[in-house]
């Protein structure tokens, strides 16, 4: 499955400013959303679809680095956010 570059919609509440916005996937932060995870602990930062596949694909334990679409400027922002995978429309059905 193509993940990097995929465009989807943010449907979560954690990043309120992204609510309902179109976003583009930049990277997967493997295991970064795992409950009880130490935020200072290392996690894999995956920017390639082959790396993501080798790591077992996207799961509910992952965060996804995204760029929001800026309608007024007709471009994606250079600023990124890292919502939980399950808060993106394309991953909403992942087993939790």
PDB file of N, CA and C in Angstrom:
ATOM      1  N   UNK A   1       0.831  -1.187   0.000  1.00  0.00           N
ATOM      2  CA  UNK A   1       0.000   0.000   0.000  1.00  0.00           C
ATOM      3  C   UNK A   1       0.873   1.247   0.000  1.00  0.00           C
ATOM      4  N   UNK A   2       0.498   2.200  -0.806  1.00  0.00           N
ATOM      5  CA  UNK A   2       1.200   3.481  -0.829  1.00  0.00           C
ATOM      6  C   UNK A   2       0.765   4.283   0.396  1.00  0.00           C
ATOM      7  N   UNK A   3       1.726   4.736   1.171  1.00  0.00           N
ATOM      8  CA  UNK A   3       1.441   5.543   2.352  1.00  0.00           C
ATOM      9  C   UNK A   3       2.035   6.935   2.211  1.00  0.00           C
ATOM     10  N   UNK A   4       3.321   7.002   1.914  1.00  0.00           N
ATOM     11  CA  UNK A   4       3.994   8.293   1.785  1.00  0.00           C
ATOM     12  C   UNK A   4       3.417   9.040   0.577  1.00  0.00           C
ATOM     13  N   UNK A   5       2.992  10.272   0.833  1.00  0.00           N
ATOM     14  CA  UNK A   5       2.394  11.091  -0.224  1.00  0.00           C
ATOM     15  C   UNK A   5       0.890  10.946  -0.325  1.00  0.00           C
ATOM     16  N   UNK A   6       0.321   9.965   0.375  1.00  0.00           N
ATOM     17  CA  UNK A   6      -1.120   9.753   0.357  1.00  0.00           C
ATOM     18  C   UNK A   6      -1.828  10.959   0.974  1.00  0.00           C
ATOM     19  N   UNK A   7      -2.912  11.383   0.355  1.00  0.00           N
ATOM     20  CA  UNK A   7      -3.723  12.472   0.892  1.00  0.00           C
ATOM     21  C   UNK A   7      -4.968  11.884   1.524  1.00  0.00           C
ATOM     22  N   UNK A   8      -5.319  12.394   2.698  1.00  0.00           N
ATOM     23  CA  UNK A   8      -6.463  11.907   3.457  1.00  0.00           C
ATOM     24  C   UNK A   8      -7.019  13.070   4.272  1.00  0.00           C
ATOM     25  N   UNK A   9      -7.941  12.776   5.180  1.00  0.00           N
ATOM     26  CA  UNK A   9      -8.567  13.813   6.008  1.00  0.00           C
ATOM     27  C   UNK A   9      -8.350  13.472   7.473  1.00  0.00           C
ATOM     28  N   UNK A  10      -8.059  14.491   8.274  1.00  0.00           N
ATOM     29  CA  UNK A  10      -7.896  14.313   9.719  1.00  0.00           C
ATOM     30  C   UNK A  10      -9.270  14.335  10.366  1.00  0.00           C
ATOM     31  N   UNK A  11      -9.585  13.298  11.166  1.00  0.00           N
ATOM     32  CA  UNK A  11     -10.890  13.165  11.820  1.00  0.00           C
ATOM     33  C   UNK A  11     -10.789  13.089  13.343  1.00  0.00           C
ATOM     34  N   UNK A  12      -9.654  13.414  13.912  1.00  0.00           N
ATOM     35  CA  UNK A  12      -9.478  13.313  15.361  1.00  0.00           C
ATOM     36  C   UNK A  12      -9.783  14.611  16.084  1.00  0.00           C
ATOM     37  N   UNK A  13      -9.530  14.604  17.393  1.00  0.00           N
ATOM     38  CA  UNK A  13      -9.745  15.807  18.206  1.00  0.00           C
ATOM     39  C   UNK A  13      -8.468  16.253  18.913  1.00  0.00           C
ATOM     40  N   UNK A  14      -7.423  15.456  18.834  1.00  0.00           N
ATOM     41  CA  UNK A  14      -6.160  15.763  19.502  1.00  0.00           C
ATOM     42  C   UNK A  14      -5.512  17.035  18.928  1.00  0.00           C
ATOM     43  N   UNK A  15      -5.551  17.185  17.621  1.00  0.00           N
ATOM     44  CA  UNK A  15      -4.991  18.357  16.924  1.00  0.00           C
ATOM     45  C   UNK A  15      -6.169  19.145  16.350  1.00  0.00           C
ATOM     46  N   UNK A  16      -6.803  19.941  17.173  1.00  0.00           N
ATOM     47  CA  UNK A  16      -8.042  20.634  16.784  1.00  0.00           C
ATOM     48  C   UNK A  16      -7.899  21.486  15.523  1.00  0.00           C
ATOM     49  N   UNK A  17      -6.758  22.107  15.338  1.00  0.00           N
ATOM     50  CA  UNK A  17      -6.528  22.962  14.173  1.00  0.00           C
ATOM     51  C   UNK A  17      -6.526  22.176  12.864  1.00  0.00           C
ATOM     52  N   UNK A  18      -6.382  20.857  12.932  1.00  0.00           N
ATOM     53  CA  UNK A  18      -6.412  20.019  11.729  1.00  0.00           C
ATOM     54  C   UNK A  18      -7.808  19.491  11.418  1.00  0.00           C
ATOM     55  N   UNK A  19      -8.760  19.703  12.329  1.00  0.00           N
ATOM     56  CA  UNK A  19     -10.089  19.115  12.211  1.00  0.00           C
ATOM     57  C   UNK A  19     -10.716  19.245  10.836  1.00  0.00           C
ATOM     58  N   UNK A  20     -10.952  18.109  10.181  1.00  0.00           N
ATOM     59  CA  UNK A  20     -11.590  18.079   8.874  1.00  0.00           C
ATOM     60  C   UNK A  20     -10.721  18.505   7.708  1.00  0.00           C
ATOM     61  N   UNK A  21      -9.453  18.817   7.964  1.00  0.00           N
ATOM     62  CA  UNK A  21      -8.574  19.278   6.882  1.00  0.00           C
ATOM     63  C   UNK A  21      -7.985  18.121   6.085  1.00  0.00           C
ATOM     64  N   UNK A  22      -7.745  18.394   4.833  1.00  0.00           N
ATOM     65  CA  UNK A  22      -7.003  17.477   3.968  1.00  0.00           C
ATOM     66  C   UNK A  22      -5.540  17.561   4.381  1.00  0.00           C
ATOM     67  N   UNK A  23      -4.895  16.415   4.499  1.00  0.00           N
ATOM     68  CA  UNK A  23      -3.486  16.354   4.873  1.00  0.00           C
ATOM     69  C   UNK A  23      -2.759  15.379   3.950  1.00  0.00           C
ATOM     70  N   UNK A  24      -1.453  15.567   3.865  1.00  0.00           N
ATOM     71  CA  UNK A  24      -0.604  14.665   3.077  1.00  0.00           C
ATOM     72  C   UNK A  24       0.378  13.986   4.025  1.00  0.00           C
ATOM     73  N   UNK A  25       0.517  12.672   3.876  1.00  0.00           N
ATOM     74  CA  UNK A  25       1.396  11.895   4.742  1.00  0.00           C
ATOM     75  C   UNK A  25       2.852  12.061   4.313  1.00  0.00           C
ATOM     76  N   UNK A  26       3.691  12.388   5.300  1.00  0.00           N
ATOM     77  CA  UNK A  26       5.115  12.612   5.078  1.00  0.00           C
ATOM     78  C   UNK A  26       5.949  11.453   5.620  1.00  0.00           C
ATOM     79  N   UNK A  27       5.532  10.902   6.785  1.00  0.00           N
ATOM     80  CA  UNK A  27       6.310   9.842   7.430  1.00  0.00           C
ATOM     81  C   UNK A  27       5.446   9.093   8.435  1.00  0.00           C
ATOM     82  N   UNK A  28       5.937   7.927   8.837  1.00  0.00           N
ATOM     83  CA  UNK A  28       5.297   7.131   9.888  1.00  0.00           C
ATOM     84  C   UNK A  28       6.258   7.085  11.066  1.00  0.00           C
ATOM     85  N   UNK A  29       5.740   7.385  12.253  1.00  0.00           N
ATOM     86  CA  UNK A  29       6.507   7.315  13.491  1.00  0.00           C
ATOM     87  C   UNK A  29       6.089   6.018  14.176  1.00  0.00           C
ATOM     88  N   UNK A  30       6.825   4.962  13.886  1.00  0.00           N
ATOM     89  CA  UNK A  30       6.459   3.598  14.273  1.00  0.00           C
ATOM     90  C   UNK A  30       6.428   3.430  15.782  1.00  0.00           C
ATOM     91  N   UNK A  31       5.252   3.077  16.305  1.00  0.00           N
ATOM     92  CA  UNK A  31       5.092   2.830  17.727  1.00  0.00           C
ATOM     93  C   UNK A  31       4.964   4.078  18.588  1.00  0.00           C
ATOM     94  N   UNK A  32       4.964   5.247  18.004  1.00  0.00           N
ATOM     95  CA  UNK A  32       4.967   6.495  18.777  1.00  0.00           C
ATOM     96  C   UNK A  32       3.653   6.775  19.495  1.00  0.00           C
ATOM     97  N   UNK A  33       2.566   6.108  19.140  1.00  0.00           N
ATOM     98  CA  UNK A  33       1.270   6.323  19.807  1.00  0.00           C
ATOM     99  C   UNK A  33       0.944   5.222  20.806  1.00  0.00           C
ATOM    100  N   UNK A  34       1.874   4.318  21.019  1.00  0.00           N
ATOM    101  CA  UNK A  34       1.641   3.189  21.926  1.00  0.00           C
ATOM    102  C   UNK A  34       1.367   3.705  23.334  1.00  0.00           C
ATOM    103  N   UNK A  35       0.322   3.181  23.950  1.00  0.00           N
ATOM    104  CA  UNK A  35      -0.060   3.576  25.304  1.00  0.00           C
ATOM    105  C   UNK A  35       1.080   3.276  26.277  1.00  0.00           C
ATOM    106  N   UNK A  36       1.370   4.227  27.141  1.00  0.00           N
ATOM    107  CA  UNK A  36       2.425   4.053  28.128  1.00  0.00           C
ATOM    108  C   UNK A  36       3.825   4.263  27.591  1.00  0.00           C
ATOM    109  N   UNK A  37       3.951   4.628  26.323  1.00  0.00           N
ATOM    110  CA  UNK A  37       5.268   4.842  25.720  1.00  0.00           C
ATOM    111  C   UNK A  37       5.912   6.093  26.309  1.00  0.00           C
ATOM    112  N   UNK A  38       7.176   5.992  26.618  1.00  0.00           N
ATOM    113  CA  UNK A  38       7.952   7.129  27.098  1.00  0.00           C
ATOM    114  C   UNK A  38       8.219   8.053  25.908  1.00  0.00           C
ATOM    115  N   UNK A  39       7.786   9.331  25.974  1.00  0.00           N
ATOM    116  CA  UNK A  39       7.975  10.234  24.830  1.00  0.00           C
ATOM    117  C   UNK A  39       9.441  10.482  24.482  1.00  0.00           C
ATOM    118  N   UNK A  40      10.344  10.194  25.422  1.00  0.00           N
ATOM    119  CA  UNK A  40      11.774  10.364  25.146  1.00  0.00           C
ATOM    120  C   UNK A  40      12.397   9.122  24.526  1.00  0.00           C
ATOM    121  N   UNK A  41      11.632   8.028  24.463  1.00  0.00           N
ATOM    122  CA  UNK A  41      12.103   6.765  23.883  1.00  0.00           C
ATOM    123  C   UNK A  41      12.213   6.908  22.365  1.00  0.00           C
ATOM    124  N   UNK A  42      13.169   6.241  21.798  1.00  0.00           N
ATOM    125  CA  UNK A  42      13.318   6.262  20.344  1.00  0.00           C
ATOM    126  C   UNK A  42      12.209   5.460  19.675  1.00  0.00           C
ATOM    127  N   UNK A  43      11.874   5.848  18.476  1.00  0.00           N
ATOM    128  CA  UNK A  43      10.949   5.109  17.628  1.00  0.00           C
ATOM    129  C   UNK A  43      11.445   5.266  16.202  1.00  0.00           C
ATOM    130  N   UNK A  44      11.045   4.365  15.335  1.00  0.00           N
ATOM    131  CA  UNK A  44      11.487   4.422  13.941  1.00  0.00           C
ATOM    132  C   UNK A  44      10.744   5.540  13.210  1.00  0.00           C
ATOM    133  N   UNK A  45      11.481   6.351  12.483  1.00  0.00           N
ATOM    134  CA  UNK A  45      10.928   7.426  11.660  1.00  0.00           C
ATOM    135  C   UNK A  45      11.049   6.962  10.213  1.00  0.00           C
ATOM    136  N   UNK A  46       9.924   6.530   9.631  1.00  0.00           N
ATOM    137  CA  UNK A  46       9.940   5.878   8.320  1.00  0.00           C
ATOM    138  C   UNK A  46       9.400   6.809   7.241  1.00  0.00           C
ATOM    139  N   UNK A  47      10.224   7.072   6.220  1.00  0.00           N
ATOM    140  CA  UNK A  47       9.837   7.986   5.146  1.00  0.00           C
ATOM    141  C   UNK A  47       9.744   7.310   3.787  1.00  0.00           C
ATOM    142  N   UNK A  48       9.702   5.992   3.783  1.00  0.00           N
ATOM    143  CA  UNK A  48       9.701   5.233   2.540  1.00  0.00           C
ATOM    144  C   UNK A  48       8.709   4.083   2.662  1.00  0.00           C
ATOM    145  N   UNK A  49       7.909   3.860   1.625  1.00  0.00           N
ATOM    146  CA  UNK A  49       6.894   2.802   1.669  1.00  0.00           C
ATOM    147  C   UNK A  49       7.486   1.417   1.877  1.00  0.00           C
ATOM    148  N   UNK A  50       8.667   1.160   1.335  1.00  0.00           N
ATOM    149  CA  UNK A  50       9.315  -0.140   1.545  1.00  0.00           C
ATOM    150  C   UNK A  50       9.710  -0.323   3.011  1.00  0.00           C
ATOM    151  N   UNK A  51      10.231   0.738   3.644  1.00  0.00           N
ATOM    152  CA  UNK A  51      10.575   0.670   5.069  1.00  0.00           C
ATOM    153  C   UNK A  51       9.327   0.390   5.911  1.00  0.00           C
ATOM    154  N   UNK A  52       8.235   1.046   5.562  1.00  0.00           N
ATOM    155  CA  UNK A  52       6.978   0.858   6.289  1.00  0.00           C
ATOM    156  C   UNK A  52       6.505  -0.587   6.164  1.00  0.00           C
ATOM    157  N   UNK A  53       6.574  -1.125   4.968  1.00  0.00           N
ATOM    158  CA  UNK A  53       6.162  -2.520   4.743  1.00  0.00           C
ATOM    159  C   UNK A  53       7.039  -3.479   5.554  1.00  0.00           C
ATOM    160  N   UNK A  54       8.358  -3.257   5.552  1.00  0.00           N
ATOM    161  CA  UNK A  54       9.275  -4.126   6.313  1.00  0.00           C
ATOM    162  C   UNK A  54       9.020  -4.049   7.816  1.00  0.00           C
ATOM    163  N   UNK A  55       8.504  -2.902   8.271  1.00  0.00           N
ATOM    164  CA  UNK A  55       8.225  -2.714   9.702  1.00  0.00           C
ATOM    165  C   UNK A  55       6.834  -3.219  10.081  1.00  0.00           C
ATOM    166  N   UNK A  56       6.124  -3.842   9.140  1.00  0.00           N
ATOM    167  CA  UNK A  56       4.814  -4.414   9.442  1.00  0.00           C
ATOM    168  C   UNK A  56       3.635  -3.551   9.053  1.00  0.00           C
ATOM    169  N   UNK A  57       3.886  -2.478   8.299  1.00  0.00           N
ATOM    170  CA  UNK A  57       2.801  -1.597   7.876  1.00  0.00           C
ATOM    171  C   UNK A  57       2.366  -0.664   8.990  1.00  0.00           C
ATOM    172  N   UNK A  58       1.372   0.131   8.713  1.00  0.00           N
ATOM    173  CA  UNK A  58       0.859   1.101   9.683  1.00  0.00           C
ATOM    174  C   UNK A  58      -0.086   0.382  10.649  1.00  0.00           C
ATOM    175  N   UNK A  59       0.047   0.685  11.942  1.00  0.00           N
ATOM    176  CA  UNK A  59      -0.817   0.113  12.970  1.00  0.00           C
ATOM    177  C   UNK A  59      -1.400   1.237  13.832  1.00  0.00           C
ATOM    178  N   UNK A  60      -2.332   0.871  14.701  1.00  0.00           N
ATOM    179  CA  UNK A  60      -2.946   1.842  15.610  1.00  0.00           C
ATOM    180  C   UNK A  60      -1.940   2.394  16.616  1.00  0.00           C
ATOM    181  N   UNK A  61      -0.787   1.760  16.772  1.00  0.00           N
ATOM    182  CA  UNK A  61       0.257   2.234  17.681  1.00  0.00           C
ATOM    183  C   UNK A  61       1.152   3.300  17.067  1.00  0.00           C
ATOM    184  N   UNK A  62       0.910   3.649  15.827  1.00  0.00           N
ATOM    185  CA  UNK A  62       1.776   4.590  15.118  1.00  0.00           C
ATOM    186  C   UNK A  62       1.198   6.004  15.108  1.00  0.00           C
ATOM    187  N   UNK A  63       2.081   6.955  14.972  1.00  0.00           N
ATOM    188  CA  UNK A  63       1.707   8.334  14.662  1.00  0.00           C
ATOM    189  C   UNK A  63       2.138   8.578  13.220  1.00  0.00           C
ATOM    190  N   UNK A  64       1.457   9.496  12.579  1.00  0.00           N
ATOM    191  CA  UNK A  64       1.726   9.780  11.175  1.00  0.00           C
ATOM    192  C   UNK A  64       2.066  11.262  11.032  1.00  0.00           C
ATOM    193  N   UNK A  65       3.216  11.549  10.466  1.00  0.00           N
ATOM    194  CA  UNK A  65       3.580  12.946  10.238  1.00  0.00           C
ATOM    195  C   UNK A  65       2.866  13.427   8.974  1.00  0.00           C
ATOM    196  N   UNK A  66       2.132  14.530   9.116  1.00  0.00           N
ATOM    197  CA  UNK A  66       1.325  15.037   8.006  1.00  0.00           C
ATOM    198  C   UNK A  66       1.550  16.533   7.796  1.00  0.00           C
ATOM    199  N   UNK A  67       1.284  16.965   6.570  1.00  0.00           N
ATOM    200  CA  UNK A  67       1.277  18.381   6.208  1.00  0.00           C
ATOM    201  C   UNK A  67      -0.159  18.750   5.852  1.00  0.00           C
ATOM    202  N   UNK A  68      -0.721  19.774   6.495  1.00  0.00           N
ATOM    203  CA  UNK A  68      -2.080  20.188   6.146  1.00  0.00           C
ATOM    204  C   UNK A  68      -2.113  20.996   4.847  1.00  0.00           C
ATOM    205  N   UNK A  69      -3.225  20.869   4.125  1.00  0.00           N
ATOM    206  CA  UNK A  69      -3.466  21.649   2.920  1.00  0.00           C
ATOM    207  C   UNK A  69      -3.917  23.043   3.340  1.00  0.00           C
ATOM    208  N   UNK A  70      -3.292  24.064   2.769  1.00  0.00           N
ATOM    209  CA  UNK A  70      -3.656  25.457   3.051  1.00  0.00           C
ATOM    210  C   UNK A  70      -4.437  25.975   1.851  1.00  0.00           C
ATOM    211  N   UNK A  71      -5.741  25.982   1.990  1.00  0.00           N
ATOM    212  CA  UNK A  71      -6.639  26.324   0.888  1.00  0.00           C
ATOM    213  C   UNK A  71      -6.335  27.703   0.308  1.00  0.00           C
ATOM    214  N   UNK A  72      -6.164  28.683   1.166  1.00  0.00           N
ATOM    215  CA  UNK A  72      -5.936  30.060   0.709  1.00  0.00           C
ATOM    216  C   UNK A  72      -4.691  30.169  -0.182  1.00  0.00           C
ATOM    217  N   UNK A  73      -3.629  29.449   0.194  1.00  0.00           N
ATOM    218  CA  UNK A  73      -2.380  29.493  -0.585  1.00  0.00           C
ATOM    219  C   UNK A  73      -2.315  28.431  -1.673  1.00  0.00           C
ATOM    220  N   UNK A  74      -3.291  27.502  -1.652  1.00  0.00           N
ATOM    221  CA  UNK A  74      -3.341  26.404  -2.625  1.00  0.00           C
ATOM    222  C   UNK A  74      -2.049  25.576  -2.636  1.00  0.00           C
ATOM    223  N   UNK A  75      -1.627  25.215  -1.408  1.00  0.00           N
ATOM    224  CA  UNK A  75      -0.428  24.386  -1.259  1.00  0.00           C
ATOM    225  C   UNK A  75      -0.459  23.708   0.101  1.00  0.00           C
ATOM    226  N   UNK A  76       0.405  22.693   0.267  1.00  0.00           N
ATOM    227  CA  UNK A  76       0.564  22.053   1.563  1.00  0.00           C
ATOM    228  C   UNK A  76       1.523  22.884   2.415  1.00  0.00           C
ATOM    229  N   UNK A  77       1.270  22.932   3.699  1.00  0.00           N
ATOM    230  CA  UNK A  77       2.110  23.670   4.636  1.00  0.00           C
ATOM    231  C   UNK A  77       3.477  23.010   4.748  1.00  0.00           C
ATOM    232  N   UNK A  78       4.491  23.806   5.082  1.00  0.00           N
ATOM    233  CA  UNK A  78       5.798  23.237   5.370  1.00  0.00           C
ATOM    234  C   UNK A  78       5.882  22.803   6.837  1.00  0.00           C
ATOM    235  N   UNK A  79       4.891  23.202   7.640  1.00  0.00           N
ATOM    236  CA  UNK A  79       4.800  22.811   9.043  1.00  0.00           C
ATOM    237  C   UNK A  79       4.045  21.484   9.126  1.00  0.00           C
ATOM    238  N   UNK A  80       4.551  20.553   9.926  1.00  0.00           N
ATOM    239  CA  UNK A  80       3.921  19.242  10.041  1.00  0.00           C
ATOM    240  C   UNK A  80       3.358  19.016  11.441  1.00  0.00           C
ATOM    241  N   UNK A  81       2.477  18.037  11.541  1.00  0.00           N
ATOM    242  CA  UNK A  81       1.908  17.579  12.809  1.00  0.00           C
ATOM    243  C   UNK A  81       1.985  16.062  12.826  1.00  0.00           C
ATOM    244  N   UNK A  82       1.794  15.471  14.007  1.00  0.00           N
ATOM    245  CA  UNK A  82       1.937  14.012  14.122  1.00  0.00           C
ATOM    246  C   UNK A  82       0.728  13.371  14.813  1.00  0.00           C
ATOM    247  N   UNK A  83      -0.425  13.348  14.149  1.00  0.00           N
ATOM    248  CA  UNK A  83      -1.600  12.708  14.741  1.00  0.00           C
ATOM    249  C   UNK A  83      -1.456  11.193  14.812  1.00  0.00           C
ATOM    250  N   UNK A  84      -2.314  10.585  15.634  1.00  0.00           N
ATOM    251  CA  UNK A  84      -2.377   9.123  15.693  1.00  0.00           C
ATOM    252  C   UNK A  84      -2.879   8.608  14.341  1.00  0.00           C
ATOM    253  N   UNK A  85      -2.384   7.475  13.922  1.00  0.00           N
ATOM    254  CA  UNK A  85      -2.806   6.892  12.642  1.00  0.00           C
ATOM    255  C   UNK A  85      -4.318   6.747  12.581  1.00  0.00           C
ATOM    256  N   UNK A  86      -4.934   6.286  13.677  1.00  0.00           N
ATOM    257  CA  UNK A  86      -6.373   6.024  13.685  1.00  0.00           C
ATOM    258  C   UNK A  86      -7.215   7.296  13.581  1.00  0.00           C
ATOM    259  N   UNK A  87      -6.588   8.469  13.691  1.00  0.00           N
ATOM    260  CA  UNK A  87      -7.312   9.737  13.539  1.00  0.00           C
ATOM    261  C   UNK A  87      -7.336  10.225  12.087  1.00  0.00           C
ATOM    262  N   UNK A  88      -6.701   9.476  11.212  1.00  0.00           N
ATOM    263  CA  UNK A  88      -6.736   9.794   9.791  1.00  0.00           C
ATOM    264  C   UNK A  88      -7.773   8.910   9.111  1.00  0.00           C
ATOM    265  N   UNK A  89      -8.538   9.511   8.229  1.00  0.00           N
ATOM    266  CA  UNK A  89      -9.624   8.784   7.555  1.00  0.00           C
ATOM    267  C   UNK A  89      -9.149   7.483   6.916  1.00  0.00           C
ATOM    268  N   UNK A  90      -7.980   7.494   6.303  1.00  0.00           N
ATOM    269  CA  UNK A  90      -7.500   6.317   5.585  1.00  0.00           C
ATOM    270  C   UNK A  90      -7.103   5.167   6.512  1.00  0.00           C
ATOM    271  N   UNK A  91      -6.886   5.440   7.808  1.00  0.00           N
ATOM    272  CA  UNK A  91      -6.494   4.406   8.771  1.00  0.00           C
ATOM    273  C   UNK A  91      -7.523   4.222   9.886  1.00  0.00           C
ATOM    274  N   UNK A  92      -8.679   4.797   9.758  1.00  0.00           N
ATOM    275  CA  UNK A  92      -9.696   4.758  10.816  1.00  0.00           C
ATOM    276  C   UNK A  92     -10.135   3.351  11.176  1.00  0.00           C
ATOM    277  N   UNK A  93     -10.029   2.420  10.254  1.00  0.00           N
ATOM    278  CA  UNK A  93     -10.494   1.045  10.483  1.00  0.00           C
ATOM    279  C   UNK A  93      -9.416   0.110  11.046  1.00  0.00           C
ATOM    280  N   UNK A  94      -8.244   0.638  11.377  1.00  0.00           N
ATOM    281  CA  UNK A  94      -7.192  -0.213  11.935  1.00  0.00           C
ATOM    282  C   UNK A  94      -7.646  -0.828  13.254  1.00  0.00           C
ATOM    283  N   UNK A  95      -7.323  -2.097  13.476  1.00  0.00           N
ATOM    284  CA  UNK A  95      -7.667  -2.706  14.765  1.00  0.00           C
ATOM    285  C   UNK A  95      -6.929  -1.992  15.891  1.00  0.00           C
ATOM    286  N   UNK A  96      -7.634  -1.769  16.975  1.00  0.00           N
ATOM    287  CA  UNK A  96      -7.039  -1.025  18.111  1.00  0.00           C
ATOM    288  C   UNK A  96      -6.611  -1.970  19.192  1.00  0.00           C
TER     289      UNK A  96
END
